[in-house]
Amino acid sequence: MSVKIITVAKELPEYSRKTAEILPFLDVWLSGQDDRFVRKVKKIFEGAQVDQRYSIMQPEEVFTKTSFEERNQIYAREVIILGEKVLKNALKQADWNPKDLDYIITVSCTGIMIPSLDAYLINKLDLRQDIVRLPVTEMGCVGGVSGMIYAKNFLKANPNSKAAVIAVESPTATLQLNDFSMANMVSAAIFGDGAACVLLSSHEEDLGPKIIDESMYHFYDNEHMMGFELTNSGLKMVLDIEVPETISEHFPHFIHPFLAKNNLTIDDIDHLIFHPGGKKIVQTVEDLFSASGKNIDDTKEVLRMYGNMSSATVLYVLDRFMAKKPKAGEKGLLLSFGPGFTAQRILIEF
């Protein structure tokens, strides 16, 4: 019995802007700051390799100071809308009925909701009353891969079952307008909002890429590197400049042993399905894989088109590969990094 990826669906908020259209808002936001600092921030935006980003709010709202309560209310309202749309899209693509689902996992780290998104989706789509639900709320950018790992383990233990992983994120709702740290500037430059849903199945008759193996790797004593601080004004970004270097140092430990366990080397991997954390992380991973002749062009393209949508982004990259319909037997490696600090991997066979 194997677990298969059936389909991936995407959903974007209604508002979007090109990076060039965002720059005038920086002049207003950073008014009163040193001119050199303002020029530096603009260069960060222009050099972030993000051409466009989407948001649950108009730019005027994003750059208007509001309370944490008001921002979180917008987040909760819009996350429910996006979550319902993307799950409906995925079910339609797979030709599944909502009551076919046995397990629902919702992933988000950019706001606070109790009850969590999955509870709303059960009511809006009339899912089964005995469906198993799991909200994943504090995994950051790695949450999309985490959700798939949890779904795979459930489906492996429950043959003839179906699961949905729904990732909905709004990093723009977390922008701290009183925080002029480089971490906040970089975050503002690379992040955007979006939603994705992946459906998985352990029914023998269902077709799709098989999950061969999965694993989590936790970097000791690096909790400080990435995450959010909960402040009176909301979720304040934590992003250490040493993240790319740390990834590079640990690369041999979280890639090669995982592949060796499956009697593989990096040369056996046909498709790198990597989460675009940002330009420097993308460059680091690209350099690490370049020696083996691999590229992460699809990762860079997702970053360019949408920015980093936290946990949902890797599913956008996965969708691009599934749309290409790789040859039977080809192997793909999903890879993502997140708070903790952690690297998480899924090995799939098309």
Protein backbone atom coordinates (compact mmCIF):
# COMPACT_ATOMS: atom_id res chain seq x y z
CA MET A 1 0.00 0.00 0.00
CA SER A 2 1.41 3.37 -1.03
CA VAL A 3 0.44 6.99 -0.43
CA LYS A 4 0.01 9.10 -3.55
CA ILE A 5 -0.24 12.81 -4.31
CA ILE A 6 -3.43 13.22 -6.32
CA THR A 7 -3.53 16.92 -7.16
CA VAL A 8 -2.44 20.41 -6.14
CA ALA A 9 -4.65 23.50 -6.34
CA LYS A 10 -3.74 27.17 -5.88
CA GLU A 11 -5.71 30.27 -4.87
CA LEU A 12 -4.55 33.88 -4.72
CA PRO A 13 -6.03 36.95 -2.98
CA GLU A 14 -7.71 39.56 -5.15
CA TYR A 15 -5.13 42.31 -4.64
CA SER A 16 -1.71 42.36 -6.28
CA ARG A 17 1.02 44.83 -7.16
CA LYS A 18 4.25 44.81 -9.12
CA THR A 19 7.33 45.58 -7.05
CA ALA A 20 7.77 48.88 -8.88
CA GLU A 21 4.27 49.87 -7.74
CA ILE A 22 5.17 49.17 -4.11
CA LEU A 23 8.19 51.49 -4.01
CA PRO A 24 6.16 54.75 -3.64
CA PHE A 25 4.54 53.31 -0.51
CA LEU A 26 8.01 52.89 0.98
CA ASP A 27 8.60 56.64 0.77
CA VAL A 28 5.56 57.24 2.95
CA TRP A 29 6.28 54.39 5.35
CA LEU A 30 9.95 55.29 5.81
CA SER A 31 9.40 59.05 5.97
CA GLY A 32 11.72 60.48 8.60
CA GLN A 33 14.29 57.71 8.26
CA ASP A 34 17.83 58.37 7.07
CA ASP A 35 18.06 58.81 3.28
CA ARG A 36 20.74 56.13 2.99
CA PHE A 37 18.54 53.70 4.87
CA VAL A 38 15.60 54.42 2.55
CA ARG A 39 17.79 53.86 -0.52
CA LYS A 40 19.06 50.60 0.96
CA VAL A 41 15.54 49.34 1.61
CA LYS A 42 14.49 50.17 -1.95
CA LYS A 43 17.50 48.24 -3.26
CA ILE A 44 16.44 45.28 -1.15
CA PHE A 45 12.98 45.38 -2.74
CA GLU A 46 14.38 45.83 -6.25
CA GLY A 47 16.94 43.06 -5.80
CA ALA A 48 14.70 40.53 -4.06
CA GLN A 49 13.90 38.74 -7.34
CA VAL A 50 10.18 39.15 -6.62
CA ASP A 51 8.39 40.85 -9.51
CA GLN A 52 4.91 40.72 -8.01
CA ARG A 53 3.18 39.79 -4.79
CA TYR A 54 -0.44 39.25 -3.78
CA SER A 55 -2.20 40.40 -0.63
CA ILE A 56 -5.48 40.02 1.23
CA MET A 57 -5.41 43.82 1.59
CA GLN A 58 -4.92 46.78 -0.70
CA PRO A 59 -1.39 48.27 -0.39
CA GLU A 60 -2.91 51.33 1.29
CA GLU A 61 -4.23 49.03 4.05
CA VAL A 62 -0.96 47.11 4.36
CA PHE A 63 0.96 50.33 4.98
CA THR A 64 -1.63 51.87 7.33
CA LYS A 65 -1.01 51.48 11.03
CA THR A 66 -3.75 49.41 12.63
CA SER A 67 -4.01 47.35 15.79
CA PHE A 68 -3.05 43.71 16.03
CA GLU A 69 -6.72 42.95 16.65
CA GLU A 70 -7.84 44.68 13.44
CA ARG A 71 -5.15 42.98 11.32
CA ASN A 72 -5.93 39.59 12.78
CA GLN A 73 -9.64 40.03 12.09
CA ILE A 74 -8.85 40.68 8.42
CA TYR A 75 -6.53 37.66 8.40
CA ALA A 76 -9.18 35.35 9.89
CA ARG A 77 -11.89 36.54 7.49
CA GLU A 78 -9.76 36.22 4.37
CA VAL A 79 -8.08 32.93 5.33
CA ILE A 80 -11.50 31.29 5.59
CA ILE A 81 -12.45 32.61 2.13
CA LEU A 82 -9.19 31.46 0.51
CA GLY A 83 -9.25 28.11 2.32
CA GLU A 84 -12.76 27.33 1.14
CA LYS A 85 -11.96 28.28 -2.45
CA VAL A 86 -8.73 26.32 -2.70
CA LEU A 87 -10.18 23.17 -1.12
CA LYS A 88 -13.17 23.30 -3.48
CA ASN A 89 -10.79 23.71 -6.43
CA ALA A 90 -8.70 20.73 -5.37
CA LEU A 91 -11.74 18.48 -4.85
CA LYS A 92 -13.07 19.46 -8.26
CA GLN A 93 -9.71 18.70 -9.91
CA ALA A 94 -9.63 15.25 -8.29
CA ASP A 95 -13.32 14.61 -8.89
CA TRP A 96 -13.76 13.90 -5.19
CA ASN A 97 -16.81 14.55 -3.04
CA PRO A 98 -16.18 16.59 0.14
CA LYS A 99 -17.39 13.65 2.22
CA ASP A 100 -14.66 11.48 0.69
CA LEU A 101 -12.13 13.16 2.97
CA ASP A 102 -11.01 11.26 6.08
CA TYR A 103 -8.36 13.70 7.28
CA ILE A 104 -7.98 17.48 6.99
CA ILE A 105 -4.81 19.37 7.85
CA THR A 106 -4.76 23.17 7.78
CA VAL A 107 -1.45 25.05 7.83
CA SER A 108 -0.92 28.72 8.69
CA CYS A 109 1.47 30.74 10.85
CA THR A 110 0.62 34.34 9.95
CA GLY A 111 -2.34 34.91 12.27
CA ILE A 112 -4.22 33.42 15.18
CA MET A 113 -7.56 31.62 14.92
CA ILE A 114 -9.36 29.54 17.54
CA PRO A 115 -11.23 27.57 16.32
CA SER A 116 -8.74 26.94 13.51
CA LEU A 117 -9.45 27.09 9.80
CA ASP A 118 -10.29 23.37 9.51
CA ALA A 119 -13.34 23.80 11.76
CA TYR A 120 -14.77 26.43 9.40
CA LEU A 121 -14.08 24.29 6.35
CA ILE A 122 -15.92 21.33 7.89
CA ASN A 123 -19.05 23.46 8.09
CA LYS A 124 -18.68 25.34 4.81
CA LEU A 125 -18.09 22.22 2.70
CA ASP A 126 -20.25 19.89 4.81
CA LEU A 127 -17.36 17.52 5.48
CA ARG A 128 -17.99 14.36 7.48
CA GLN A 129 -18.64 14.77 11.19
CA ASP A 130 -16.06 12.08 12.00
CA ILE A 131 -13.26 13.62 9.89
CA VAL A 132 -9.91 13.81 11.68
CA ARG A 133 -8.57 17.36 11.83
CA LEU A 134 -5.12 18.73 12.53
CA PRO A 135 -4.21 22.44 12.55
CA VAL A 136 -0.49 23.10 12.02
CA THR A 137 0.14 26.60 13.28
CA GLU A 138 3.76 27.19 14.29
CA MET A 139 5.94 25.59 11.59
CA GLY A 140 6.46 28.65 9.40
CA CYS A 141 7.72 28.13 5.86
CA VAL A 142 8.26 24.40 6.40
CA GLY A 143 4.58 23.85 7.25
CA GLY A 144 3.55 22.77 3.74
CA VAL A 145 6.03 19.88 3.78
CA SER A 146 5.20 19.14 7.44
CA GLY A 147 1.51 18.87 6.60
CA MET A 148 2.25 16.42 3.80
CA ILE A 149 4.40 14.33 6.15
CA TYR A 150 1.61 14.17 8.74
CA ALA A 151 -0.92 13.28 6.03
CA LYS A 152 1.32 10.54 4.66
CA ASN A 153 1.75 8.96 8.09
CA PHE A 154 -2.01 9.01 8.71
CA LEU A 155 -2.77 7.50 5.31
CA LYS A 156 -0.07 4.85 5.70
CA ALA A 157 -1.70 3.79 8.97
CA ASN A 158 -5.20 3.97 7.47
CA PRO A 159 -5.46 2.20 4.09
CA ASN A 160 -8.15 3.35 1.67
CA SER A 161 -8.26 6.85 3.13
CA LYS A 162 -8.05 10.36 1.68
CA ALA A 163 -6.52 13.54 3.07
CA ALA A 164 -6.34 17.25 2.28
CA VAL A 165 -3.52 19.58 3.29
CA ILE A 166 -4.59 23.24 3.02
CA ALA A 167 -1.95 25.95 3.49
CA VAL A 168 -3.20 29.54 3.69
CA GLU A 169 -0.84 32.37 4.58
CA SER A 170 -0.90 36.17 4.77
CA PRO A 171 2.56 37.47 5.65
CA THR A 172 1.44 40.97 4.60
CA ALA A 173 -0.90 40.95 7.62
CA THR A 174 2.15 40.65 9.88
CA LEU A 175 4.07 43.69 8.56
CA GLN A 176 5.28 45.73 11.54
CA LEU A 177 5.23 49.39 10.58
CA ASN A 178 7.14 50.49 13.70
CA ASP A 179 9.94 47.98 13.16
CA PHE A 180 12.80 49.33 11.04
CA SER A 181 15.10 46.34 11.51
CA MET A 182 16.71 44.68 8.50
CA ALA A 183 14.77 41.49 9.27
CA ASN A 184 11.50 43.39 8.83
CA MET A 185 12.71 45.11 5.68
CA VAL A 186 13.78 41.83 4.06
CA SER A 187 10.53 40.19 5.15
CA ALA A 188 8.49 42.99 3.56
CA ALA A 189 10.51 42.66 0.34
CA ILE A 190 10.17 38.91 -0.16
CA PHE A 191 6.82 37.83 1.26
CA GLY A 192 3.37 37.70 -0.31
CA ASP A 193 0.02 36.04 0.41
CA GLY A 194 -1.45 32.89 -1.10
CA ALA A 195 -3.11 29.52 -0.56
CA ALA A 196 -2.60 25.99 -1.83
CA CYS A 197 -4.17 22.59 -1.27
CA VAL A 198 -2.71 19.14 -1.93
CA LEU A 199 -4.85 16.00 -1.89
CA LEU A 200 -3.34 12.64 -0.96
CA SER A 201 -4.72 9.11 -0.99
CA SER A 202 -3.92 5.57 0.17
CA HIS A 203 -6.54 4.02 -2.14
CA GLU A 204 -4.82 1.52 -4.41
CA GLU A 205 -6.82 2.61 -7.46
CA ASP A 206 -5.90 6.30 -7.14
CA LEU A 207 -3.07 7.50 -9.37
CA GLY A 208 -0.35 10.05 -8.70
CA PRO A 209 3.26 10.45 -7.58
CA LYS A 210 4.09 8.09 -4.72
CA ILE A 211 5.63 9.28 -1.48
CA ILE A 212 8.63 6.98 -1.03
CA ASP A 213 10.05 8.43 2.17
CA GLU A 214 9.99 11.51 4.36
CA SER A 215 12.12 12.88 7.17
CA MET A 216 12.67 15.86 9.43
CA TYR A 217 16.11 17.19 10.36
CA HIS A 218 16.43 19.54 13.34
CA PHE A 219 19.40 21.88 13.72
CA TYR A 220 20.49 21.98 17.37
CA ASP A 221 20.60 25.30 19.22
CA ASN A 222 19.31 27.45 16.37
CA GLU A 223 15.86 28.46 17.63
CA HIS A 224 16.87 32.09 17.29
CA MET A 225 17.31 31.93 13.52
CA MET A 226 13.77 32.18 12.20
CA GLY A 227 10.24 32.76 13.48
CA PHE A 228 7.93 35.35 14.98
CA GLU A 229 7.92 37.21 18.28
CA LEU A 230 4.42 37.88 19.57
CA THR A 231 4.34 41.60 20.47
CA ASN A 232 1.60 44.05 21.39
CA SER A 233 1.52 45.19 17.75
CA GLY A 234 1.43 41.68 16.27
CA LEU A 235 3.82 39.08 14.92
CA LYS A 236 7.35 40.50 14.61
CA MET A 237 9.61 38.76 12.10
CA VAL A 238 12.78 37.01 13.30
CA LEU A 239 15.21 36.25 10.46
CA ASP A 240 18.90 35.71 11.18
CA ILE A 241 21.42 36.67 8.50
CA GLU A 242 23.28 33.40 9.14
CA VAL A 243 20.45 31.19 7.81
CA PRO A 244 22.06 30.58 4.37
CA GLU A 245 25.44 29.78 5.94
CA THR A 246 23.84 27.41 8.44
CA ILE A 247 22.01 25.58 5.66
CA SER A 248 25.28 25.22 3.74
CA GLU A 249 27.13 23.85 6.78
CA HIS A 250 24.48 21.22 7.49
CA PHE A 251 23.76 20.28 3.87
CA PRO A 252 25.76 17.02 3.87
CA HIS A 253 23.95 15.89 7.01
CA PHE A 254 20.33 16.40 5.91
CA ILE A 255 20.60 15.49 2.22
CA HIS A 256 23.06 12.65 1.67
CA PRO A 257 22.06 10.34 4.57
CA PHE A 258 18.37 10.72 3.69
CA LEU A 259 19.01 9.70 0.09
CA ALA A 260 21.46 6.95 1.10
CA LYS A 261 18.77 5.42 3.31
CA ASN A 262 16.79 4.93 0.09
CA ASN A 263 19.84 3.63 -1.83
CA LEU A 264 20.05 6.86 -3.80
CA THR A 265 22.47 9.71 -4.38
CA ILE A 266 21.75 13.25 -5.54
CA ASP A 267 22.50 12.07 -9.09
CA ASP A 268 19.40 9.86 -8.91
CA ILE A 269 17.10 12.82 -8.22
CA ASP A 270 15.46 14.17 -11.38
CA HIS A 271 13.46 17.07 -9.91
CA LEU A 272 14.31 19.47 -7.06
CA ILE A 273 11.08 20.78 -5.56
CA PHE A 274 12.48 23.42 -3.22
CA HIS A 275 10.74 26.11 -1.18
CA PRO A 276 11.89 29.61 -2.24
CA GLY A 277 12.66 31.16 1.12
CA GLY A 278 14.25 34.23 -0.42
CA LYS A 279 17.01 35.23 -2.82
CA LYS A 280 19.98 34.37 -0.58
CA ILE A 281 18.58 31.01 0.51
CA VAL A 282 17.73 30.16 -3.10
CA GLN A 283 21.25 31.08 -4.20
CA THR A 284 22.75 28.98 -1.41
CA VAL A 285 20.75 25.89 -2.30
CA GLU A 286 21.36 26.42 -6.01
CA ASP A 287 25.11 26.54 -5.40
CA LEU A 288 24.96 23.38 -3.30
CA PHE A 289 23.14 21.44 -6.02
CA SER A 290 24.90 22.95 -9.05
CA ALA A 291 27.89 20.62 -8.77
CA SER A 292 25.56 17.72 -9.56
CA GLY A 293 24.08 19.50 -12.58
CA LYS A 294 20.72 20.19 -10.91
CA ASN A 295 18.72 23.40 -11.20
CA ILE A 296 15.93 24.99 -9.19
CA ASP A 297 14.50 27.11 -12.00
CA ASP A 298 10.90 26.41 -10.98
CA THR A 299 11.64 27.52 -7.42
CA LYS A 300 13.06 30.81 -8.72
CA GLU A 301 10.08 31.31 -11.01
CA VAL A 302 7.59 30.86 -8.16
CA LEU A 303 9.55 33.39 -6.10
CA ARG A 304 9.51 35.82 -9.01
CA MET A 305 5.78 35.48 -9.68
CA TYR A 306 4.41 35.40 -6.12
CA GLY A 307 7.12 35.98 -3.53
CA ASN A 308 7.52 33.76 -0.49
CA MET A 309 4.02 32.75 0.67
CA SER A 310 5.40 30.88 3.67
CA SER A 311 4.03 27.33 3.98
CA ALA A 312 2.00 27.44 0.76
CA THR A 313 4.94 28.24 -1.53
CA VAL A 314 6.49 24.79 -1.87
CA LEU A 315 3.10 23.49 -3.01
CA TYR A 316 3.17 26.03 -5.87
CA VAL A 317 6.53 24.58 -6.90
CA LEU A 318 5.14 21.03 -6.62
CA ASP A 319 2.19 22.04 -8.81
CA ARG A 320 4.57 23.18 -11.56
CA PHE A 321 6.30 19.81 -11.60
CA MET A 322 3.06 17.84 -11.60
CA ALA A 323 1.81 19.93 -14.54
CA LYS A 324 4.88 18.84 -16.53
CA LYS A 325 3.85 15.18 -16.11
CA PRO A 326 7.34 13.74 -15.51
CA LYS A 327 8.13 10.29 -16.85
CA ALA A 328 7.15 7.27 -14.78
CA GLY A 329 9.91 6.31 -12.39
CA GLU A 330 11.49 9.77 -12.19
CA LYS A 331 12.19 10.94 -8.65
CA GLY A 332 11.60 14.28 -6.97
CA LEU A 333 12.88 15.74 -3.71
CA LEU A 334 10.74 18.23 -1.79
CA LEU A 335 12.84 20.38 0.52
CA SER A 336 11.90 23.19 2.86
CA PHE A 337 13.32 25.05 5.87
CA GLY A 338 11.53 26.57 8.82
CA PRO A 339 11.64 27.75 12.44
CA GLY A 340 13.26 25.49 14.92
CA PHE A 341 15.57 25.53 12.89
CA THR A 342 14.49 22.58 10.73
CA ALA A 343 14.91 21.08 7.26
CA GLN A 344 12.17 18.71 6.07
CA ARG A 345 12.25 16.42 3.05
CA ILE A 346 9.89 14.22 1.06
CA LEU A 347 11.08 11.78 -1.61
CA ILE A 348 8.52 11.10 -4.35
CA GLU A 349 8.41 8.91 -7.44
CA PHE A 350 6.37 9.96 -10.44
